[in-house]
């Protein structure tokens, strides 16, 4: 014979928790009705936020059927469930801190990469402008050796010059670029 609701209302929390742990849905429902407001108030004190307290209380209520399997009745149910709530709040805070740290880390990494990309664009713009100021024969040499990634020997063959002339031209390019950089304070 199943106990009536009135009899269940007088049943201890510990007995209801043990029954709920064994799969008694009615006992579980009664435990939640008895303690939901208390759990919510405690969650609010732990989190400092109504929204977070609602989430935490909901999470605890959803996880409680599985967690009740570890309830042995050696402590008061309220003591046990407060410990469950505190552990869940601590876990939630840790996850939040890890997410914030990761988010901040990603944000800093993104800012760093953007700054590096901007520096690279500025350097490329400067180099493009500086290259346009070179005499035509030096620009052609650079276009083949650096732009097309030909060896000095290959560039010499294309231009019908000696490899030494290509080496000298590249040396002149470097001197020209250094002088421009110094002139502009770079």
C-alpha atoms as a PDB file:
ATOM      1  CA  UNK A   1       0.000   0.000   0.000  1.00  0.00           C
ATOM      2  CA  UNK A   2       1.354   3.364  -1.029  1.00  0.00           C
ATOM      3  CA  UNK A   3       1.473   6.171   1.573  1.00  0.00           C
ATOM      4  CA  UNK A   4      -1.012   8.983   1.099  1.00  0.00           C
ATOM      5  CA  UNK A   5       0.114  12.513   0.335  1.00  0.00           C
ATOM      6  CA  UNK A   6      -0.725  13.579   3.881  1.00  0.00           C
ATOM      7  CA  UNK A   7       1.455  10.814   5.266  1.00  0.00           C
ATOM      8  CA  UNK A   8       4.206  11.837   2.853  1.00  0.00           C
ATOM      9  CA  UNK A   9       3.999  15.446   4.047  1.00  0.00           C
ATOM     10  CA  UNK A  10       5.024  14.209   7.496  1.00  0.00           C
ATOM     11  CA  UNK A  11       7.809  11.998   6.142  1.00  0.00           C
ATOM     12  CA  UNK A  12      11.314  13.217   6.940  1.00  0.00           C
ATOM     13  CA  UNK A  13      13.465  14.765   4.236  1.00  0.00           C
ATOM     14  CA  UNK A  14      15.976  11.993   4.694  1.00  0.00           C
ATOM     15  CA  UNK A  15      13.373   9.268   4.127  1.00  0.00           C
ATOM     16  CA  UNK A  16      12.056  11.104   1.062  1.00  0.00           C
ATOM     17  CA  UNK A  17      15.611  11.495  -0.297  1.00  0.00           C
ATOM     18  CA  UNK A  18      16.284   7.777   0.122  1.00  0.00           C
ATOM     19  CA  UNK A  19      12.975   6.960  -1.579  1.00  0.00           C
ATOM     20  CA  UNK A  20      13.748   9.421  -4.396  1.00  0.00           C
ATOM     21  CA  UNK A  21      17.177   7.852  -4.784  1.00  0.00           C
ATOM     22  CA  UNK A  22      15.392   4.548  -5.376  1.00  0.00           C
ATOM     23  CA  UNK A  23      13.339   6.099  -8.181  1.00  0.00           C
ATOM     24  CA  UNK A  24      10.265   7.338  -6.308  1.00  0.00           C
ATOM     25  CA  UNK A  25       9.205  10.332  -8.399  1.00  0.00           C
ATOM     26  CA  UNK A  26       6.540  11.438  -5.953  1.00  0.00           C
ATOM     27  CA  UNK A  27       9.109  11.585  -3.138  1.00  0.00           C
ATOM     28  CA  UNK A  28      11.428  13.565  -5.393  1.00  0.00           C
ATOM     29  CA  UNK A  29       8.672  16.021  -6.294  1.00  0.00           C
ATOM     30  CA  UNK A  30       7.831  16.543  -2.644  1.00  0.00           C
ATOM     31  CA  UNK A  31      11.498  17.186  -1.787  1.00  0.00           C
ATOM     32  CA  UNK A  32      11.716  19.794  -4.549  1.00  0.00           C
ATOM     33  CA  UNK A  33       8.481  21.481  -3.437  1.00  0.00           C
ATOM     34  CA  UNK A  34       9.733  21.587   0.148  1.00  0.00           C
ATOM     35  CA  UNK A  35      13.188  22.935  -0.628  1.00  0.00           C
ATOM     36  CA  UNK A  36      13.070  24.821  -3.936  1.00  0.00           C
ATOM     37  CA  UNK A  37      12.650  28.282  -2.403  1.00  0.00           C
ATOM     38  CA  UNK A  38      15.344  27.591   0.181  1.00  0.00           C
ATOM     39  CA  UNK A  39      17.731  26.359  -2.543  1.00  0.00           C
ATOM     40  CA  UNK A  40      16.973  29.396  -4.684  1.00  0.00           C
ATOM     41  CA  UNK A  41      17.657  31.818  -1.810  1.00  0.00           C
ATOM     42  CA  UNK A  42      20.915  30.022  -1.034  1.00  0.00           C
ATOM     43  CA  UNK A  43      21.928  30.058  -4.703  1.00  0.00           C
ATOM     44  CA  UNK A  44      21.221  33.798  -4.840  1.00  0.00           C
ATOM     45  CA  UNK A  45      23.450  34.343  -1.820  1.00  0.00           C
ATOM     46  CA  UNK A  46      26.185  32.259  -3.439  1.00  0.00           C
ATOM     47  CA  UNK A  47      26.012  33.901  -6.863  1.00  0.00           C
ATOM     48  CA  UNK A  48      24.822  37.407  -6.017  1.00  0.00           C
ATOM     49  CA  UNK A  49      22.591  37.402  -9.084  1.00  0.00           C
ATOM     50  CA  UNK A  50      18.955  36.438  -9.536  1.00  0.00           C
ATOM     51  CA  UNK A  51      19.605  35.175 -13.060  1.00  0.00           C
ATOM     52  CA  UNK A  52      22.584  33.055 -11.973  1.00  0.00           C
ATOM     53  CA  UNK A  53      20.635  31.810  -8.943  1.00  0.00           C
ATOM     54  CA  UNK A  54      17.773  30.710 -11.191  1.00  0.00           C
ATOM     55  CA  UNK A  55      20.193  28.890 -13.494  1.00  0.00           C
ATOM     56  CA  UNK A  56      22.048  27.244 -10.622  1.00  0.00           C
ATOM     57  CA  UNK A  57      18.844  26.146  -8.869  1.00  0.00           C
ATOM     58  CA  UNK A  58      17.483  24.740 -12.121  1.00  0.00           C
ATOM     59  CA  UNK A  59      20.745  22.887 -12.740  1.00  0.00           C
ATOM     60  CA  UNK A  60      20.697  21.425  -9.223  1.00  0.00           C
ATOM     61  CA  UNK A  61      17.091  20.309  -9.535  1.00  0.00           C
ATOM     62  CA  UNK A  62      17.838  18.679 -12.891  1.00  0.00           C
ATOM     63  CA  UNK A  63      20.939  16.919 -11.534  1.00  0.00           C
ATOM     64  CA  UNK A  64      19.450  15.980  -8.177  1.00  0.00           C
ATOM     65  CA  UNK A  65      17.900  12.627  -9.215  1.00  0.00           C
ATOM     66  CA  UNK A  66      21.345  11.326 -10.183  1.00  0.00           C
ATOM     67  CA  UNK A  67      23.062  12.986  -7.220  1.00  0.00           C
ATOM     68  CA  UNK A  68      20.575  11.459  -4.772  1.00  0.00           C
ATOM     69  CA  UNK A  69      22.075   8.050  -5.526  1.00  0.00           C
ATOM     70  CA  UNK A  70      25.046   9.132  -3.404  1.00  0.00           C
ATOM     71  CA  UNK A  71      22.830  10.253  -0.494  1.00  0.00           C
ATOM     72  CA  UNK A  72      23.197   7.724   2.314  1.00  0.00           C
ATOM     73  CA  UNK A  73      21.052   9.374   4.977  1.00  0.00           C
ATOM     74  CA  UNK A  74      24.017   9.826   7.320  1.00  0.00           C
ATOM     75  CA  UNK A  75      23.606  13.622   7.262  1.00  0.00           C
ATOM     76  CA  UNK A  76      20.498  15.760   7.218  1.00  0.00           C
ATOM     77  CA  UNK A  77      19.165  16.167   3.693  1.00  0.00           C
ATOM     78  CA  UNK A  78      19.428  19.959   3.933  1.00  0.00           C
ATOM     79  CA  UNK A  79      23.092  19.742   4.960  1.00  0.00           C
ATOM     80  CA  UNK A  80      23.779  17.373   2.091  1.00  0.00           C
ATOM     81  CA  UNK A  81      21.882  19.399  -0.531  1.00  0.00           C
ATOM     82  CA  UNK A  82      23.566  22.646   0.596  1.00  0.00           C
ATOM     83  CA  UNK A  83      26.930  20.954   0.018  1.00  0.00           C
ATOM     84  CA  UNK A  84      25.752  19.858  -3.444  1.00  0.00           C
ATOM     85  CA  UNK A  85      24.677  23.453  -4.151  1.00  0.00           C
ATOM     86  CA  UNK A  86      27.984  24.906  -2.908  1.00  0.00           C
ATOM     87  CA  UNK A  87      29.978  22.472  -5.044  1.00  0.00           C
ATOM     88  CA  UNK A  88      27.880  23.310  -8.089  1.00  0.00           C
ATOM     89  CA  UNK A  89      28.275  27.056  -7.466  1.00  0.00           C
ATOM     90  CA  UNK A  90      32.043  26.641  -7.102  1.00  0.00           C
ATOM     91  CA  UNK A  91      32.227  24.590 -10.307  1.00  0.00           C
ATOM     92  CA  UNK A  92      30.128  27.170 -12.153  1.00  0.00           C
ATOM     93  CA  UNK A  93      32.360  30.024 -10.923  1.00  0.00           C
ATOM     94  CA  UNK A  94      35.493  28.150 -12.016  1.00  0.00           C
ATOM     95  CA  UNK A  95      34.036  27.495 -15.463  1.00  0.00           C
ATOM     96  CA  UNK A  96      33.055  31.128 -15.748  1.00  0.00           C
ATOM     97  CA  UNK A  97      36.560  32.230 -14.780  1.00  0.00           C
ATOM     98  CA  UNK A  98      38.121  29.825 -17.277  1.00  0.00           C
ATOM     99  CA  UNK A  99      35.804  31.080 -20.014  1.00  0.00           C
ATOM    100  CA  UNK A 100      36.568  34.695 -19.149  1.00  0.00           C
ATOM    101  CA  UNK A 101      40.276  33.981 -19.086  1.00  0.00           C
ATOM    102  CA  UNK A 102      40.071  32.161 -22.408  1.00  0.00           C
ATOM    103  CA  UNK A 103      37.891  34.907 -23.880  1.00  0.00           C
ATOM    104  CA  UNK A 104      40.291  37.573 -22.655  1.00  0.00           C
ATOM    105  CA  UNK A 105      43.225  35.534 -23.905  1.00  0.00           C
ATOM    106  CA  UNK A 106      41.596  35.159 -27.300  1.00  0.00           C
ATOM    107  CA  UNK A 107      40.793  38.858 -27.275  1.00  0.00           C
ATOM    108  CA  UNK A 108      44.386  39.755 -26.486  1.00  0.00           C
ATOM    109  CA  UNK A 109      45.626  37.298 -29.092  1.00  0.00           C
ATOM    110  CA  UNK A 110      43.236  38.787 -31.652  1.00  0.00           C
ATOM    111  CA  UNK A 111      44.405  42.321 -30.815  1.00  0.00           C
ATOM    112  CA  UNK A 112      48.029  41.228 -31.066  1.00  0.00           C
ATOM    113  CA  UNK A 113      47.447  39.549 -34.440  1.00  0.00           C
ATOM    114  CA  UNK A 114      45.578  42.617 -35.708  1.00  0.00           C
ATOM    115  CA  UNK A 115      48.438  44.879 -34.600  1.00  0.00           C
ATOM    116  CA  UNK A 116      50.963  42.589 -36.287  1.00  0.00           C
ATOM    117  CA  UNK A 117      48.883  42.533 -39.466  1.00  0.00           C
ATOM    118  CA  UNK A 118      48.640  46.334 -39.409  1.00  0.00           C
ATOM    119  CA  UNK A 119      52.408  46.599 -38.933  1.00  0.00           C
ATOM    120  CA  UNK A 120      52.938  44.193 -41.835  1.00  0.00           C
ATOM    121  CA  UNK A 121      50.551  46.230 -44.031  1.00  0.00           C
ATOM    122  CA  UNK A 122      52.354  49.450 -43.103  1.00  0.00           C
ATOM    123  CA  UNK A 123      55.728  47.838 -43.814  1.00  0.00           C
ATOM    124  CA  UNK A 124      54.444  46.523 -47.150  1.00  0.00           C
ATOM    125  CA  UNK A 125      53.046  49.966 -48.052  1.00  0.00           C
ATOM    126  CA  UNK A 126      56.376  51.595 -47.158  1.00  0.00           C
ATOM    127  CA  UNK A 127      58.289  49.006 -49.175  1.00  0.00           C
ATOM    128  CA  UNK A 128      56.006  49.446 -52.194  1.00  0.00           C
ATOM    129  CA  UNK A 129      56.509  53.215 -52.071  1.00  0.00           C
ATOM    130  CA  UNK A 130      60.260  52.836 -51.532  1.00  0.00           C
ATOM    131  CA  UNK A 131      60.546  50.371 -54.408  1.00  0.00           C
ATOM    132  CA  UNK A 132      58.799  52.768 -56.768  1.00  0.00           C
ATOM    133  CA  UNK A 133      61.553  55.300 -56.078  1.00  0.00           C
ATOM    134  CA  UNK A 134      64.251  52.888 -57.342  1.00  0.00           C
ATOM    135  CA  UNK A 135      65.713  53.249 -60.834  1.00  0.00           C
ATOM    136  CA  UNK A 136      64.012  50.926 -63.334  1.00  0.00           C
ATOM    137  CA  UNK A 137      66.922  48.441 -63.649  1.00  0.00           C
ATOM    138  CA  UNK A 138      66.999  47.960 -59.847  1.00  0.00           C
ATOM    139  CA  UNK A 139      63.179  47.490 -59.724  1.00  0.00           C
ATOM    140  CA  UNK A 140      63.402  44.837 -62.449  1.00  0.00           C
ATOM    141  CA  UNK A 141      66.153  43.024 -60.554  1.00  0.00           C
ATOM    142  CA  UNK A 142      64.126  43.057 -57.325  1.00  0.00           C
ATOM    143  CA  UNK A 143      60.996  41.954 -59.174  1.00  0.00           C
ATOM    144  CA  UNK A 144      62.789  38.884 -60.472  1.00  0.00           C
ATOM    145  CA  UNK A 145      64.829  37.938 -57.382  1.00  0.00           C
ATOM    146  CA  UNK A 146      62.385  38.750 -54.609  1.00  0.00           C
ATOM    147  CA  UNK A 147      59.046  38.944 -56.405  1.00  0.00           C
ATOM    148  CA  UNK A 148      59.468  35.883 -58.586  1.00  0.00           C
ATOM    149  CA  UNK A 149      61.908  34.198 -56.189  1.00  0.00           C
ATOM    150  CA  UNK A 150      64.518  33.547 -58.875  1.00  0.00           C
ATOM    151  CA  UNK A 151      68.114  32.954 -57.873  1.00  0.00           C
ATOM    152  CA  UNK A 152      70.595  35.612 -58.834  1.00  0.00           C
ATOM    153  CA  UNK A 153      71.903  33.238 -61.501  1.00  0.00           C
ATOM    154  CA  UNK A 154      68.414  32.756 -62.960  1.00  0.00           C
ATOM    155  CA  UNK A 155      67.723  36.519 -62.881  1.00  0.00           C
ATOM    156  CA  UNK A 156      71.032  37.129 -64.651  1.00  0.00           C
ATOM    157  CA  UNK A 157      70.027  34.690 -67.403  1.00  0.00           C
ATOM    158  CA  UNK A 158      66.620  36.372 -67.843  1.00  0.00           C
ATOM    159  CA  UNK A 159      68.153  39.859 -67.992  1.00  0.00           C
ATOM    160  CA  UNK A 160      71.167  38.847 -70.062  1.00  0.00           C
ATOM    161  CA  UNK A 161      73.562  40.078 -67.375  1.00  0.00           C
ATOM    162  CA  UNK A 162      76.271  38.510 -65.269  1.00  0.00           C
ATOM    163  CA  UNK A 163      75.466  37.053 -61.868  1.00  0.00           C
ATOM    164  CA  UNK A 164      77.895  39.600 -60.352  1.00  0.00           C
ATOM    165  CA  UNK A 165      75.882  42.494 -61.830  1.00  0.00           C
ATOM    166  CA  UNK A 166      72.698  41.102 -60.240  1.00  0.00           C
ATOM    167  CA  UNK A 167      74.498  40.787 -56.884  1.00  0.00           C
ATOM    168  CA  UNK A 168      75.747  44.390 -57.185  1.00  0.00           C
ATOM    169  CA  UNK A 169      72.225  45.634 -58.062  1.00  0.00           C
ATOM    170  CA  UNK A 170      70.754  43.872 -55.016  1.00  0.00           C
ATOM    171  CA  UNK A 171      73.440  45.495 -52.879  1.00  0.00           C
ATOM    172  CA  UNK A 172      72.447  48.879 -54.326  1.00  0.00           C
ATOM    173  CA  UNK A 173      68.781  48.161 -53.548  1.00  0.00           C
ATOM    174  CA  UNK A 174      69.646  47.452 -49.905  1.00  0.00           C
ATOM    175  CA  UNK A 175      71.707  50.666 -49.658  1.00  0.00           C
ATOM    176  CA  UNK A 176      68.882  52.681 -51.197  1.00  0.00           C
ATOM    177  CA  UNK A 177      66.274  51.201 -48.821  1.00  0.00           C
ATOM    178  CA  UNK A 178      68.507  51.750 -45.758  1.00  0.00           C
ATOM    179  CA  UNK A 179      69.060  55.390 -46.746  1.00  0.00           C
ATOM    180  CA  UNK A 180      65.298  55.929 -47.182  1.00  0.00           C
ATOM    181  CA  UNK A 181      64.556  54.278 -43.822  1.00  0.00           C
ATOM    182  CA  UNK A 182      67.132  56.449 -42.048  1.00  0.00           C
ATOM    183  CA  UNK A 183      65.816  59.534 -43.782  1.00  0.00           C
ATOM    184  CA  UNK A 184      62.275  58.745 -42.607  1.00  0.00           C
ATOM    185  CA  UNK A 185      63.414  57.736 -39.116  1.00  0.00           C
ATOM    186  CA  UNK A 186      62.285  54.124 -39.451  1.00  0.00           C
END
